[in-house]
PDB file of all heavy atoms in Angstrom:
ATOM      1  N   GLY A   1      43.982 -42.838 -28.976  1.00  0.00           N
ATOM      2  CA  GLY A   1      42.679 -43.466 -28.668  1.00  0.00           C
ATOM      3  C   GLY A   1      42.944 -45.052 -28.784  1.00  0.00           C
ATOM      4  O   GLY A   1      42.113 -45.816 -28.200  1.00  0.00           O
ATOM      5  N   PHE A   2      43.882 -45.476 -29.482  1.00  0.00           N
ATOM      6  CA  PHE A   2      44.148 -46.961 -29.484  1.00  0.00           C
ATOM      7  C   PHE A   2      45.246 -47.400 -28.536  1.00  0.00           C
ATOM      8  O   PHE A   2      45.258 -48.537 -28.215  1.00  0.00           O
ATOM      9  CB  PHE A   2      44.707 -47.246 -31.025  1.00  0.00           C
ATOM     10  CG  PHE A   2      43.777 -47.123 -32.049  1.00  0.00           C
ATOM     11  CD1 PHE A   2      43.890 -46.106 -33.049  1.00  0.00           C
ATOM     12  CD2 PHE A   2      42.719 -47.976 -32.115  1.00  0.00           C
ATOM     13  CE1 PHE A   2      43.009 -46.036 -34.106  1.00  0.00           C
ATOM     14  CE2 PHE A   2      41.828 -47.866 -33.230  1.00  0.00           C
ATOM     15  CZ  PHE A   2      41.942 -46.903 -34.079  1.00  0.00           C
ATOM     16  N   TYR A   3      46.170 -46.485 -28.252  1.00  0.00           N
ATOM     17  CA  TYR A   3      47.417 -46.974 -27.450  1.00  0.00           C
ATOM     18  C   TYR A   3      47.403 -46.263 -26.134  1.00  0.00           C
ATOM     19  O   TYR A   3      46.789 -46.602 -25.206  1.00  0.00           O
ATOM     20  CB  TYR A   3      48.556 -46.635 -28.285  1.00  0.00           C
ATOM     21  CG  TYR A   3      48.634 -47.477 -29.563  1.00  0.00           C
ATOM     22  CD1 TYR A   3      48.533 -46.861 -30.786  1.00  0.00           C
ATOM     23  CD2 TYR A   3      48.637 -48.892 -29.480  1.00  0.00           C
ATOM     24  CE1 TYR A   3      48.642 -47.585 -31.993  1.00  0.00           C
ATOM     25  CE2 TYR A   3      48.679 -49.632 -30.679  1.00  0.00           C
ATOM     26  CZ  TYR A   3      48.531 -49.000 -31.995  1.00  0.00           C
ATOM     27  OH  TYR A   3      48.539 -49.680 -33.134  1.00  0.00           O
ATOM     28  N   LYS A   4      48.215 -45.206 -25.998  1.00  0.00           N
ATOM     29  CA  LYS A   4      48.578 -44.556 -24.780  1.00  0.00           C
ATOM     30  C   LYS A   4      47.930 -43.188 -24.480  1.00  0.00           C
ATOM     31  O   LYS A   4      47.802 -42.424 -25.395  1.00  0.00           O
ATOM     32  CB  LYS A   4      50.194 -44.508 -24.708  1.00  0.00           C
ATOM     33  CG  LYS A   4      50.921 -45.662 -24.964  1.00  0.00           C
ATOM     34  CD  LYS A   4      50.892 -46.504 -23.718  1.00  0.00           C
ATOM     35  CE  LYS A   4      51.718 -47.791 -23.913  1.00  0.00           C
ATOM     36  NZ  LYS A   4      51.832 -48.584 -22.909  1.00  0.00           N
ATOM     37  N   ASP A   5      47.551 -43.054 -23.286  1.00  0.00           N
ATOM     38  CA  ASP A   5      47.025 -41.792 -22.660  1.00  0.00           C
ATOM     39  C   ASP A   5      47.915 -40.530 -23.077  1.00  0.00           C
ATOM     40  O   ASP A   5      47.441 -39.546 -23.507  1.00  0.00           O
ATOM     41  CB  ASP A   5      46.816 -41.947 -21.289  1.00  0.00           C
ATOM     42  CG  ASP A   5      46.046 -40.629 -20.695  1.00  0.00           C
ATOM     43  OD1 ASP A   5      44.933 -40.454 -20.879  1.00  0.00           O
ATOM     44  OD2 ASP A   5      46.786 -39.877 -19.986  1.00  0.00           O
ATOM     45  N   TRP A   6      49.226 -40.665 -22.886  1.00  0.00           N
ATOM     46  CA  TRP A   6      50.215 -39.683 -23.115  1.00  0.00           C
ATOM     47  C   TRP A   6      50.200 -39.172 -24.565  1.00  0.00           C
ATOM     48  O   TRP A   6      50.379 -38.087 -24.844  1.00  0.00           O
ATOM     49  CB  TRP A   6      51.530 -40.015 -22.580  1.00  0.00           C
ATOM     50  CG  TRP A   6      52.274 -41.058 -23.464  1.00  0.00           C
ATOM     51  CD1 TRP A   6      52.477 -42.393 -23.163  1.00  0.00           C
ATOM     52  CD2 TRP A   6      52.957 -41.004 -24.622  1.00  0.00           C
ATOM     53  NE1 TRP A   6      53.069 -43.052 -24.145  1.00  0.00           N
ATOM     54  CE2 TRP A   6      53.436 -42.204 -25.114  1.00  0.00           C
ATOM     55  CE3 TRP A   6      53.244 -39.792 -25.531  1.00  0.00           C
ATOM     56  CZ2 TRP A   6      54.262 -42.425 -26.305  1.00  0.00           C
ATOM     57  CZ3 TRP A   6      54.046 -40.061 -26.661  1.00  0.00           C
ATOM     58  CH2 TRP A   6      54.476 -41.308 -27.020  1.00  0.00           C
ATOM     59  N   MET A   7      49.781 -39.958 -25.624  1.00  0.00           N
ATOM     60  CA  MET A   7      49.778 -39.603 -26.899  1.00  0.00           C
ATOM     61  C   MET A   7      48.642 -38.678 -27.122  1.00  0.00           C
ATOM     62  O   MET A   7      48.824 -37.635 -27.738  1.00  0.00           O
ATOM     63  CB  MET A   7      49.523 -40.922 -27.787  1.00  0.00           C
ATOM     64  CG  MET A   7      50.674 -41.851 -27.797  1.00  0.00           C
ATOM     65  SD  MET A   7      50.273 -43.328 -28.769  1.00  0.00           S
ATOM     66  CE  MET A   7      51.848 -43.703 -29.436  1.00  0.00           C
ATOM     67  N   THR A   8      47.514 -39.003 -26.458  1.00  0.00           N
ATOM     68  CA  THR A   8      46.303 -38.078 -26.566  1.00  0.00           C
ATOM     69  C   THR A   8      46.707 -36.766 -26.077  1.00  0.00           C
ATOM     70  O   THR A   8      46.399 -35.669 -26.630  1.00  0.00           O
ATOM     71  CB  THR A   8      45.134 -38.647 -25.767  1.00  0.00           C
ATOM     72  OG1 THR A   8      44.669 -39.930 -26.519  1.00  0.00           O
ATOM     73  CG2 THR A   8      43.921 -37.708 -25.819  1.00  0.00           C
ATOM     74  N   ARG A   9      47.308 -36.676 -24.776  1.00  0.00           N
ATOM     75  CA  ARG A   9      47.554 -35.490 -24.182  1.00  0.00           C
ATOM     76  C   ARG A   9      48.602 -34.771 -24.886  1.00  0.00           C
ATOM     77  O   ARG A   9      48.500 -33.426 -24.960  1.00  0.00           O
ATOM     78  CB  ARG A   9      47.978 -35.735 -22.585  1.00  0.00           C
ATOM     79  CG  ARG A   9      46.639 -36.271 -21.970  1.00  0.00           C
ATOM     80  CD  ARG A   9      46.979 -36.671 -20.492  1.00  0.00           C
ATOM     81  NE  ARG A   9      45.651 -36.987 -19.927  1.00  0.00           N
ATOM     82  CZ  ARG A   9      45.323 -36.989 -18.643  1.00  0.00           C
ATOM     83  NH1 ARG A   9      46.160 -36.426 -17.707  1.00  0.00           N
ATOM     84  NH2 ARG A   9      44.269 -37.498 -18.240  1.00  0.00           N
ATOM     85  N   LEU A  10      49.569 -35.227 -25.287  1.00  0.00           N
ATOM     86  CA  LEU A  10      50.685 -34.567 -26.051  1.00  0.00           C
ATOM     87  C   LEU A  10      50.143 -34.026 -27.338  1.00  0.00           C
ATOM     88  O   LEU A  10      50.469 -32.933 -27.577  1.00  0.00           O
ATOM     89  CB  LEU A  10      51.890 -35.476 -26.252  1.00  0.00           C
ATOM     90  CG  LEU A  10      53.045 -34.872 -27.014  1.00  0.00           C
ATOM     91  CD1 LEU A  10      53.676 -33.711 -26.282  1.00  0.00           C
ATOM     92  CD2 LEU A  10      54.187 -35.999 -27.345  1.00  0.00           C
ATOM     93  N   GLY A  11      49.434 -34.785 -28.049  1.00  0.00           N
ATOM     94  CA  GLY A  11      48.888 -34.249 -29.290  1.00  0.00           C
ATOM     95  C   GLY A  11      48.036 -33.016 -29.029  1.00  0.00           C
ATOM     96  O   GLY A  11      48.086 -32.039 -29.818  1.00  0.00           O
ATOM     97  N   ALA A  12      47.104 -33.107 -28.039  1.00  0.00           N
ATOM     98  CA  ALA A  12      46.262 -31.962 -27.673  1.00  0.00           C
ATOM     99  C   ALA A  12      47.201 -30.724 -27.184  1.00  0.00           C
ATOM    100  O   ALA A  12      46.958 -29.612 -27.753  1.00  0.00           O
ATOM    101  CB  ALA A  12      45.339 -32.268 -26.612  1.00  0.00           C
ATOM    102  N   LEU A  13      48.144 -31.064 -26.375  1.00  0.00           N
ATOM    103  CA  LEU A  13      49.073 -30.017 -25.917  1.00  0.00           C
ATOM    104  C   LEU A  13      49.862 -29.457 -27.104  1.00  0.00           C
ATOM    105  O   LEU A  13      50.077 -28.135 -27.149  1.00  0.00           O
ATOM    106  CB  LEU A  13      50.096 -30.454 -25.053  1.00  0.00           C
ATOM    107  CG  LEU A  13      51.108 -29.554 -24.337  1.00  0.00           C
ATOM    108  CD1 LEU A  13      50.276 -28.495 -23.468  1.00  0.00           C
ATOM    109  CD2 LEU A  13      52.104 -30.366 -23.430  1.00  0.00           C
ATOM    110  N   MET A  14      50.152 -30.040 -28.143  1.00  0.00           N
ATOM    111  CA  MET A  14      50.888 -29.487 -29.369  1.00  0.00           C
ATOM    112  C   MET A  14      49.948 -28.524 -30.138  1.00  0.00           C
ATOM    113  O   MET A  14      50.469 -27.645 -30.602  1.00  0.00           O
ATOM    114  CB  MET A  14      51.358 -30.570 -30.255  1.00  0.00           C
ATOM    115  CG  MET A  14      52.512 -31.497 -29.734  1.00  0.00           C
ATOM    116  SD  MET A  14      52.889 -32.921 -30.714  1.00  0.00           S
ATOM    117  CE  MET A  14      53.693 -32.166 -32.092  1.00  0.00           C
ATOM    118  N   LEU A  15      48.647 -28.840 -30.157  1.00  0.00           N
ATOM    119  CA  LEU A  15      47.718 -28.129 -31.117  1.00  0.00           C
ATOM    120  C   LEU A  15      47.168 -26.882 -30.368  1.00  0.00           C
ATOM    121  O   LEU A  15      46.830 -25.976 -31.048  1.00  0.00           O
ATOM    122  CB  LEU A  15      46.596 -29.038 -31.460  1.00  0.00           C
ATOM    123  CG  LEU A  15      46.981 -30.264 -32.354  1.00  0.00           C
ATOM    124  CD1 LEU A  15      45.753 -31.042 -32.739  1.00  0.00           C
ATOM    125  CD2 LEU A  15      47.571 -29.717 -33.651  1.00  0.00           C
ATOM    126  N   ILE A  16      47.301 -26.877 -29.021  1.00  0.00           N
ATOM    127  CA  ILE A  16      46.785 -25.693 -28.349  1.00  0.00           C
ATOM    128  C   ILE A  16      47.374 -24.376 -28.697  1.00  0.00           C
ATOM    129  O   ILE A  16      46.655 -23.426 -28.978  1.00  0.00           O
ATOM    130  CB  ILE A  16      46.624 -25.882 -26.762  1.00  0.00           C
ATOM    131  CG1 ILE A  16      45.517 -27.010 -26.422  1.00  0.00           C
ATOM    132  CG2 ILE A  16      46.465 -24.715 -25.930  1.00  0.00           C
ATOM    133  CD1 ILE A  16      45.572 -27.460 -24.942  1.00  0.00           C
ATOM    134  N   PRO A  17      48.684 -24.362 -28.652  1.00  0.00           N
ATOM    135  CA  PRO A  17      49.342 -23.060 -29.101  1.00  0.00           C
ATOM    136  C   PRO A  17      49.027 -22.642 -30.599  1.00  0.00           C
ATOM    137  O   PRO A  17      48.927 -21.511 -30.854  1.00  0.00           O
ATOM    138  CB  PRO A  17      50.851 -23.312 -28.851  1.00  0.00           C
ATOM    139  CG  PRO A  17      51.007 -24.514 -28.012  1.00  0.00           C
ATOM    140  CD  PRO A  17      49.621 -25.219 -28.225  1.00  0.00           C
ATOM    141  N   VAL A  18      48.895 -23.682 -31.459  1.00  0.00           N
ATOM    142  CA  VAL A  18      48.480 -23.376 -32.792  1.00  0.00           C
ATOM    143  C   VAL A  18      47.255 -22.681 -32.885  1.00  0.00           C
ATOM    144  O   VAL A  18      47.045 -21.659 -33.590  1.00  0.00           O
ATOM    145  CB  VAL A  18      48.557 -24.638 -33.671  1.00  0.00           C
ATOM    146  CG1 VAL A  18      47.973 -24.415 -35.052  1.00  0.00           C
ATOM    147  CG2 VAL A  18      49.878 -25.311 -33.708  1.00  0.00           C
ATOM    148  N   MET A  19      46.245 -23.136 -32.125  1.00  0.00           N
ATOM    149  CA  MET A  19      44.870 -22.610 -32.077  1.00  0.00           C
ATOM    150  C   MET A  19      44.809 -21.256 -31.516  1.00  0.00           C
ATOM    151  O   MET A  19      44.120 -20.336 -31.853  1.00  0.00           O
ATOM    152  CB  MET A  19      43.874 -23.606 -31.525  1.00  0.00           C
ATOM    153  CG  MET A  19      42.634 -23.470 -31.920  1.00  0.00           C
ATOM    154  SD  MET A  19      42.224 -24.030 -33.634  1.00  0.00           S
ATOM    155  CE  MET A  19      42.644 -22.666 -34.500  1.00  0.00           C
ATOM    156  N   VAL A  20      45.532 -21.167 -30.369  1.00  0.00           N
ATOM    157  CA  VAL A  20      45.572 -19.750 -29.740  1.00  0.00           C
ATOM    158  C   VAL A  20      46.149 -18.846 -30.639  1.00  0.00           C
ATOM    159  O   VAL A  20      45.639 -17.656 -30.768  1.00  0.00           O
ATOM    160  CB  VAL A  20      46.240 -19.898 -28.235  1.00  0.00           C
ATOM    161  CG1 VAL A  20      46.505 -18.479 -27.769  1.00  0.00           C
ATOM    162  CG2 VAL A  20      45.576 -20.709 -27.314  1.00  0.00           C
ATOM    163  N   GLY A  21      47.305 -19.128 -31.269  1.00  0.00           N
ATOM    164  CA  GLY A  21      47.910 -18.240 -32.238  1.00  0.00           C
ATOM    165  C   GLY A  21      46.934 -17.835 -33.399  1.00  0.00           C
ATOM    166  O   GLY A  21      46.824 -16.705 -33.837  1.00  0.00           O
ATOM    167  N   ALA A  22      46.238 -18.804 -33.896  1.00  0.00           N
ATOM    168  CA  ALA A  22      45.288 -18.546 -35.023  1.00  0.00           C
ATOM    169  C   ALA A  22      44.134 -17.529 -34.517  1.00  0.00           C
ATOM    170  O   ALA A  22      43.796 -16.590 -35.208  1.00  0.00           O
ATOM    171  CB  ALA A  22      44.726 -19.878 -35.510  1.00  0.00           C
ATOM    172  N   ILE A  23      43.778 -17.858 -33.294  1.00  0.00           N
ATOM    173  CA  ILE A  23      42.658 -16.834 -32.763  1.00  0.00           C
ATOM    174  C   ILE A  23      43.100 -15.477 -32.505  1.00  0.00           C
ATOM    175  O   ILE A  23      42.592 -14.625 -33.046  1.00  0.00           O
ATOM    176  CB  ILE A  23      42.055 -17.536 -31.424  1.00  0.00           C
ATOM    177  CG1 ILE A  23      41.275 -18.776 -31.720  1.00  0.00           C
ATOM    178  CG2 ILE A  23      41.253 -16.502 -30.697  1.00  0.00           C
ATOM    179  CD1 ILE A  23      40.866 -19.654 -30.456  1.00  0.00           C
ATOM    180  N   VAL A  24      44.357 -15.417 -31.893  1.00  0.00           N
ATOM    181  CA  VAL A  24      44.855 -14.127 -31.719  1.00  0.00           C
ATOM    182  C   VAL A  24      45.363 -13.365 -32.837  1.00  0.00           C
ATOM    183  O   VAL A  24      45.006 -12.169 -32.975  1.00  0.00           O
ATOM    184  CB  VAL A  24      45.987 -14.135 -30.500  1.00  0.00           C
ATOM    185  CG1 VAL A  24      46.713 -12.915 -30.425  1.00  0.00           C
ATOM    186  CG2 VAL A  24      45.463 -14.761 -29.272  1.00  0.00           C
ATOM    187  N   LEU A  25      45.959 -14.040 -33.701  1.00  0.00           N
ATOM    188  CA  LEU A  25      46.707 -13.310 -34.921  1.00  0.00           C
ATOM    189  C   LEU A  25      45.722 -13.150 -36.080  1.00  0.00           C
ATOM    190  O   LEU A  25      45.958 -12.216 -36.885  1.00  0.00           O
ATOM    191  CB  LEU A  25      47.894 -14.166 -35.343  1.00  0.00           C
ATOM    192  CG  LEU A  25      49.046 -14.255 -34.231  1.00  0.00           C
ATOM    193  CD1 LEU A  25      50.159 -15.194 -34.814  1.00  0.00           C
ATOM    194  CD2 LEU A  25      49.626 -12.848 -34.029  1.00  0.00           C
ATOM    195  N   VAL A  26      44.713 -14.007 -36.327  1.00  0.00           N
ATOM    196  CA  VAL A  26      43.873 -14.023 -37.410  1.00  0.00           C
ATOM    197  C   VAL A  26      42.396 -13.585 -37.185  1.00  0.00           C
ATOM    198  O   VAL A  26      41.803 -12.877 -37.814  1.00  0.00           O
ATOM    199  CB  VAL A  26      43.963 -15.316 -38.262  1.00  0.00           C
ATOM    200  CG1 VAL A  26      43.215 -15.213 -39.470  1.00  0.00           C
ATOM    201  CG2 VAL A  26      45.551 -15.577 -38.596  1.00  0.00           C
ATOM    202  N   HIS A  27      41.929 -14.318 -36.140  1.00  0.00           N
ATOM    203  CA  HIS A  27      40.386 -14.234 -35.999  1.00  0.00           C
ATOM    204  C   HIS A  27      39.882 -13.334 -34.826  1.00  0.00           C
ATOM    205  O   HIS A  27      38.792 -13.163 -34.697  1.00  0.00           O
ATOM    206  CB  HIS A  27      39.758 -15.695 -35.856  1.00  0.00           C
ATOM    207  CG  HIS A  27      40.314 -16.636 -36.884  1.00  0.00           C
ATOM    208  ND1 HIS A  27      39.609 -16.615 -38.116  1.00  0.00           N
ATOM    209  CD2 HIS A  27      41.272 -17.537 -36.994  1.00  0.00           C
ATOM    210  CE1 HIS A  27      40.200 -17.586 -38.826  1.00  0.00           C
ATOM    211  NE2 HIS A  27      41.266 -18.033 -38.220  1.00  0.00           N
ATOM    212  N   TRP A  28      40.802 -12.937 -34.093  1.00  0.00           N
ATOM    213  CA  TRP A  28      40.474 -12.038 -32.726  1.00  0.00           C
ATOM    214  C   TRP A  28      39.500 -10.841 -33.203  1.00  0.00           C
ATOM    215  O   TRP A  28      39.706 -10.188 -34.147  1.00  0.00           O
ATOM    216  CB  TRP A  28      41.547 -11.524 -32.111  1.00  0.00           C
ATOM    217  CG  TRP A  28      41.253 -11.070 -30.827  1.00  0.00           C
ATOM    218  CD1 TRP A  28      41.129  -9.768 -30.303  1.00  0.00           C
ATOM    219  CD2 TRP A  28      40.989 -11.787 -29.631  1.00  0.00           C
ATOM    220  NE1 TRP A  28      40.777  -9.671 -29.092  1.00  0.00           N
ATOM    221  CE2 TRP A  28      40.789 -10.900 -28.560  1.00  0.00           C
ATOM    222  CE3 TRP A  28      40.920 -13.149 -29.317  1.00  0.00           C
ATOM    223  CZ2 TRP A  28      40.356 -11.254 -27.296  1.00  0.00           C
ATOM    224  CZ3 TRP A  28      40.618 -13.608 -28.071  1.00  0.00           C
ATOM    225  CH2 TRP A  28      40.266 -12.651 -27.083  1.00  0.00           C
ATOM    226  N   GLY A  29      38.493 -10.692 -32.400  1.00  0.00           N
ATOM    227  CA  GLY A  29      37.633  -9.377 -32.636  1.00  0.00           C
ATOM    228  C   GLY A  29      36.457  -9.844 -33.303  1.00  0.00           C
ATOM    229  O   GLY A  29      35.715  -8.876 -33.478  1.00  0.00           O
TER     230      GLY A  29
END
């Protein structure tokens, strides 16, 4: 938010698999 666009996108890209994993492995259903 302060510096570079790629930082925002990389940060989001890093967190997406974590969230998908939490949904599928723990919270699904």
